[in-house]
N, C-alpha and C. Protein backbone atom coordinates (compact mmCIF):
# COMPACT_ATOMS: atom_id res chain seq x y z
N MET A 1 12.68 5.56 8.03
CA MET A 1 11.30 5.28 7.71
C MET A 1 11.01 3.80 7.99
N LYS A 2 9.82 3.58 8.47
CA LYS A 2 9.37 2.21 8.70
C LYS A 2 8.89 1.61 7.37
N PRO A 3 8.87 0.29 7.30
CA PRO A 3 8.39 -0.36 6.07
C PRO A 3 6.96 0.03 5.71
N ALA A 4 6.11 0.22 6.69
CA ALA A 4 4.74 0.63 6.41
C ALA A 4 4.70 2.02 5.78
N ASP A 5 5.60 2.91 6.20
CA ASP A 5 5.66 4.24 5.61
C ASP A 5 6.15 4.19 4.16
N ILE A 6 7.11 3.32 3.89
CA ILE A 6 7.61 3.17 2.53
C ILE A 6 6.52 2.62 1.62
N LEU A 7 5.77 1.63 2.11
CA LEU A 7 4.66 1.10 1.32
C LEU A 7 3.61 2.17 1.09
N GLY A 8 3.33 2.98 2.09
CA GLY A 8 2.37 4.07 1.94
C GLY A 8 2.82 5.08 0.89
N LEU A 9 4.10 5.38 0.85
CA LEU A 9 4.64 6.29 -0.16
C LEU A 9 4.52 5.69 -1.55
N PHE A 10 4.83 4.39 -1.68
CA PHE A 10 4.70 3.71 -2.97
C PHE A 10 3.25 3.68 -3.44
N VAL A 11 2.34 3.42 -2.53
CA VAL A 11 0.91 3.37 -2.88
C VAL A 11 0.44 4.74 -3.36
N ARG A 12 0.88 5.79 -2.71
CA ARG A 12 0.49 7.14 -3.14
C ARG A 12 1.08 7.50 -4.50
N CYS A 13 2.30 7.06 -4.77
CA CYS A 13 2.91 7.32 -6.10
C CYS A 13 2.14 6.59 -7.19
N VAL A 14 1.75 5.36 -6.94
CA VAL A 14 0.93 4.62 -7.90
C VAL A 14 -0.43 5.31 -8.04
N GLY A 15 -0.96 5.84 -6.95
CA GLY A 15 -2.22 6.57 -7.00
C GLY A 15 -2.15 7.80 -7.88
N VAL A 16 -1.03 8.49 -7.86
CA VAL A 16 -0.86 9.66 -8.73
C VAL A 16 -0.90 9.23 -10.20
N LEU A 17 -0.19 8.15 -10.51
CA LEU A 17 -0.16 7.67 -11.90
C LEU A 17 -1.54 7.20 -12.36
N LEU A 18 -2.24 6.45 -11.52
CA LEU A 18 -3.57 5.99 -11.88
C LEU A 18 -4.55 7.15 -12.04
N SER A 19 -4.44 8.14 -11.18
CA SER A 19 -5.33 9.30 -11.28
C SER A 19 -5.07 10.09 -12.56
N ILE A 20 -3.82 10.25 -12.91
CA ILE A 20 -3.49 10.96 -14.15
C ILE A 20 -4.03 10.20 -15.35
N TYR A 21 -3.90 8.89 -15.34
CA TYR A 21 -4.41 8.09 -16.46
C TYR A 21 -5.94 8.16 -16.51
N GLY A 22 -6.60 8.16 -15.36
CA GLY A 22 -8.05 8.28 -15.32
C GLY A 22 -8.52 9.63 -15.84
N VAL A 23 -7.81 10.69 -15.52
CA VAL A 23 -8.16 12.02 -16.02
C VAL A 23 -7.93 12.09 -17.53
N TYR A 24 -6.88 11.42 -18.02
CA TYR A 24 -6.65 11.36 -19.45
C TYR A 24 -7.80 10.65 -20.16
N CYS A 25 -8.29 9.58 -19.58
CA CYS A 25 -9.43 8.87 -20.16
C CYS A 25 -10.68 9.75 -20.12
N LEU A 26 -10.83 10.55 -19.08
CA LEU A 26 -11.94 11.49 -19.02
C LEU A 26 -11.82 12.54 -20.12
N TYR A 27 -10.62 12.97 -20.41
CA TYR A 27 -10.37 13.90 -21.50
C TYR A 27 -10.76 13.27 -22.84
N LEU A 28 -10.40 12.00 -23.03
CA LEU A 28 -10.80 11.31 -24.25
C LEU A 28 -12.31 11.17 -24.35
N LEU A 29 -12.98 10.99 -23.21
CA LEU A 29 -14.43 10.91 -23.21
C LEU A 29 -15.04 12.23 -23.66
N VAL A 30 -14.52 13.33 -23.17
CA VAL A 30 -15.03 14.64 -23.56
C VAL A 30 -14.82 14.86 -25.06
N LEU A 31 -13.66 14.44 -25.56
CA LEU A 31 -13.41 14.56 -27.00
C LEU A 31 -14.37 13.69 -27.80
N ALA A 32 -14.71 12.52 -27.29
CA ALA A 32 -15.60 11.62 -28.01
C ALA A 32 -17.02 12.16 -28.06
N LEU A 33 -17.39 12.99 -27.09
CA LEU A 33 -18.74 13.54 -27.07
C LEU A 33 -18.92 14.74 -27.99
N ILE A 34 -17.82 15.27 -28.50
CA ILE A 34 -17.90 16.40 -29.43
C ILE A 34 -18.27 15.86 -30.81
N PRO A 35 -19.31 16.40 -31.41
CA PRO A 35 -19.68 15.91 -32.74
C PRO A 35 -18.58 16.24 -33.76
N GLY A 36 -18.33 15.29 -34.61
CA GLY A 36 -17.33 15.51 -35.65
C GLY A 36 -15.97 14.93 -35.31
N VAL A 37 -15.73 14.58 -34.05
CA VAL A 37 -14.46 13.96 -33.67
C VAL A 37 -14.63 12.45 -33.77
N ALA A 38 -13.77 11.80 -34.52
CA ALA A 38 -13.91 10.37 -34.76
C ALA A 38 -13.31 9.58 -33.59
N ALA A 39 -14.11 9.36 -32.55
CA ALA A 39 -13.67 8.55 -31.41
C ALA A 39 -14.88 7.83 -30.84
N PRO A 40 -15.43 6.85 -31.56
CA PRO A 40 -16.64 6.18 -31.07
C PRO A 40 -16.40 5.28 -29.87
N HIS A 41 -15.17 4.90 -29.61
CA HIS A 41 -14.89 4.01 -28.48
C HIS A 41 -14.64 4.77 -27.18
N GLY A 42 -14.71 6.07 -27.18
CA GLY A 42 -14.35 6.87 -26.02
C GLY A 42 -15.20 6.61 -24.80
N VAL A 43 -16.49 6.46 -24.97
CA VAL A 43 -17.39 6.27 -23.83
C VAL A 43 -17.16 4.91 -23.19
N VAL A 44 -17.07 3.89 -24.01
CA VAL A 44 -16.86 2.54 -23.49
C VAL A 44 -15.49 2.44 -22.83
N PHE A 45 -14.48 3.06 -23.44
CA PHE A 45 -13.13 3.04 -22.89
C PHE A 45 -13.10 3.72 -21.52
N PHE A 46 -13.81 4.82 -21.38
CA PHE A 46 -13.84 5.50 -20.09
C PHE A 46 -14.55 4.66 -19.04
N LEU A 47 -15.64 4.02 -19.42
CA LEU A 47 -16.39 3.24 -18.44
C LEU A 47 -15.64 2.00 -17.98
N TYR A 48 -14.92 1.35 -18.87
CA TYR A 48 -14.24 0.11 -18.53
C TYR A 48 -12.83 0.29 -18.02
N VAL A 49 -12.16 1.36 -18.41
CA VAL A 49 -10.76 1.55 -18.03
C VAL A 49 -10.58 2.82 -17.21
N GLY A 50 -11.08 3.93 -17.70
CA GLY A 50 -10.81 5.21 -17.08
C GLY A 50 -11.45 5.40 -15.72
N LEU A 51 -12.71 5.04 -15.61
CA LEU A 51 -13.41 5.22 -14.33
C LEU A 51 -12.82 4.37 -13.21
N PRO A 52 -12.55 3.06 -13.43
CA PRO A 52 -11.89 2.29 -12.36
C PRO A 52 -10.50 2.83 -12.01
N CYS A 53 -9.73 3.26 -13.01
CA CYS A 53 -8.41 3.83 -12.72
C CYS A 53 -8.54 5.09 -11.88
N LEU A 54 -9.51 5.92 -12.20
CA LEU A 54 -9.71 7.15 -11.45
C LEU A 54 -10.14 6.86 -10.01
N ILE A 55 -11.04 5.92 -9.83
CA ILE A 55 -11.52 5.58 -8.48
C ILE A 55 -10.40 4.96 -7.64
N VAL A 56 -9.69 4.00 -8.19
CA VAL A 56 -8.60 3.35 -7.45
C VAL A 56 -7.47 4.34 -7.21
N GLY A 57 -7.19 5.21 -8.18
CA GLY A 57 -6.14 6.20 -8.00
C GLY A 57 -6.43 7.18 -6.87
N VAL A 58 -7.67 7.63 -6.78
CA VAL A 58 -8.04 8.54 -5.69
C VAL A 58 -7.99 7.81 -4.35
N TRP A 59 -8.42 6.54 -4.34
CA TRP A 59 -8.35 5.75 -3.10
C TRP A 59 -6.90 5.57 -2.66
N PHE A 60 -6.01 5.30 -3.62
CA PHE A 60 -4.59 5.17 -3.28
C PHE A 60 -4.02 6.50 -2.80
N LEU A 61 -4.44 7.61 -3.41
CA LEU A 61 -3.95 8.91 -2.97
C LEU A 61 -4.37 9.23 -1.54
N ARG A 62 -5.53 8.75 -1.16
CA ARG A 62 -6.00 8.98 0.20
C ARG A 62 -5.30 8.10 1.21
N GLY A 63 -4.42 7.20 0.75
CA GLY A 63 -3.60 6.41 1.66
C GLY A 63 -3.91 4.93 1.66
N ALA A 64 -5.05 4.52 1.17
CA ALA A 64 -5.44 3.11 1.13
C ALA A 64 -5.15 2.43 2.47
N LYS A 65 -5.72 2.97 3.52
CA LYS A 65 -5.44 2.49 4.87
C LYS A 65 -5.76 1.01 5.05
N TRP A 66 -6.81 0.53 4.36
CA TRP A 66 -7.14 -0.88 4.48
C TRP A 66 -6.01 -1.74 3.91
N LEU A 67 -5.44 -1.32 2.80
CA LEU A 67 -4.36 -2.07 2.17
C LEU A 67 -3.11 -2.04 3.04
N ILE A 68 -2.78 -0.90 3.59
CA ILE A 68 -1.59 -0.78 4.45
C ILE A 68 -1.76 -1.62 5.72
N SER A 69 -2.94 -1.57 6.32
CA SER A 69 -3.15 -2.34 7.55
C SER A 69 -3.22 -3.83 7.26
N PHE A 70 -3.60 -4.21 6.03
CA PHE A 70 -3.59 -5.63 5.66
C PHE A 70 -2.15 -6.12 5.51
N CYS A 71 -1.30 -5.31 4.89
CA CYS A 71 0.10 -5.72 4.68
C CYS A 71 0.92 -5.63 5.97
N TYR A 72 0.68 -4.62 6.76
CA TYR A 72 1.40 -4.42 8.01
C TYR A 72 0.39 -4.20 9.13
N PRO A 73 -0.06 -5.27 9.79
CA PRO A 73 -1.02 -5.10 10.89
C PRO A 73 -0.43 -4.22 12.00
N PRO A 74 -1.29 -3.58 12.79
CA PRO A 74 -0.78 -2.68 13.83
C PRO A 74 0.17 -3.36 14.82
N ASP A 75 -0.07 -4.61 15.19
CA ASP A 75 0.83 -5.27 16.13
C ASP A 75 2.19 -5.54 15.49
N GLN A 76 2.25 -5.76 14.19
CA GLN A 76 3.52 -5.96 13.50
C GLN A 76 4.26 -4.64 13.35
N GLN A 77 3.55 -3.55 13.21
CA GLN A 77 4.20 -2.25 13.10
C GLN A 77 4.88 -1.88 14.41
N ASP A 78 4.30 -2.26 15.54
CA ASP A 78 4.93 -1.97 16.83
C ASP A 78 6.23 -2.74 17.00
N LYS A 79 6.31 -3.95 16.47
CA LYS A 79 7.53 -4.74 16.58
C LYS A 79 8.67 -4.18 15.74
N THR A 80 8.34 -3.51 14.65
CA THR A 80 9.39 -2.94 13.80
C THR A 80 9.98 -1.68 14.43
N ASN A 81 9.29 -1.06 15.36
CA ASN A 81 9.82 0.13 16.01
C ASN A 81 10.90 -0.19 17.02
N VAL A 82 10.97 -1.42 17.48
CA VAL A 82 11.91 -1.78 18.53
C VAL A 82 13.30 -1.87 18.01
């Protein structure tokens, strides 16, 4: 495997973790919206923590091509193949 492929695999693994955490925050938001459940901070927590984690996690799962090309430009990737 090339270094760019290893970085891509690492980024996707981090994306899985961030997405799971974002979905967990979404679950807490749903619980906070149920009357009678004592979780008044759920909406704010989802907006400030859960939503960014979910967005970045999905972006990382899609490969984060901008991040990979920033770390390993295409001309540098060709040199590693030699």
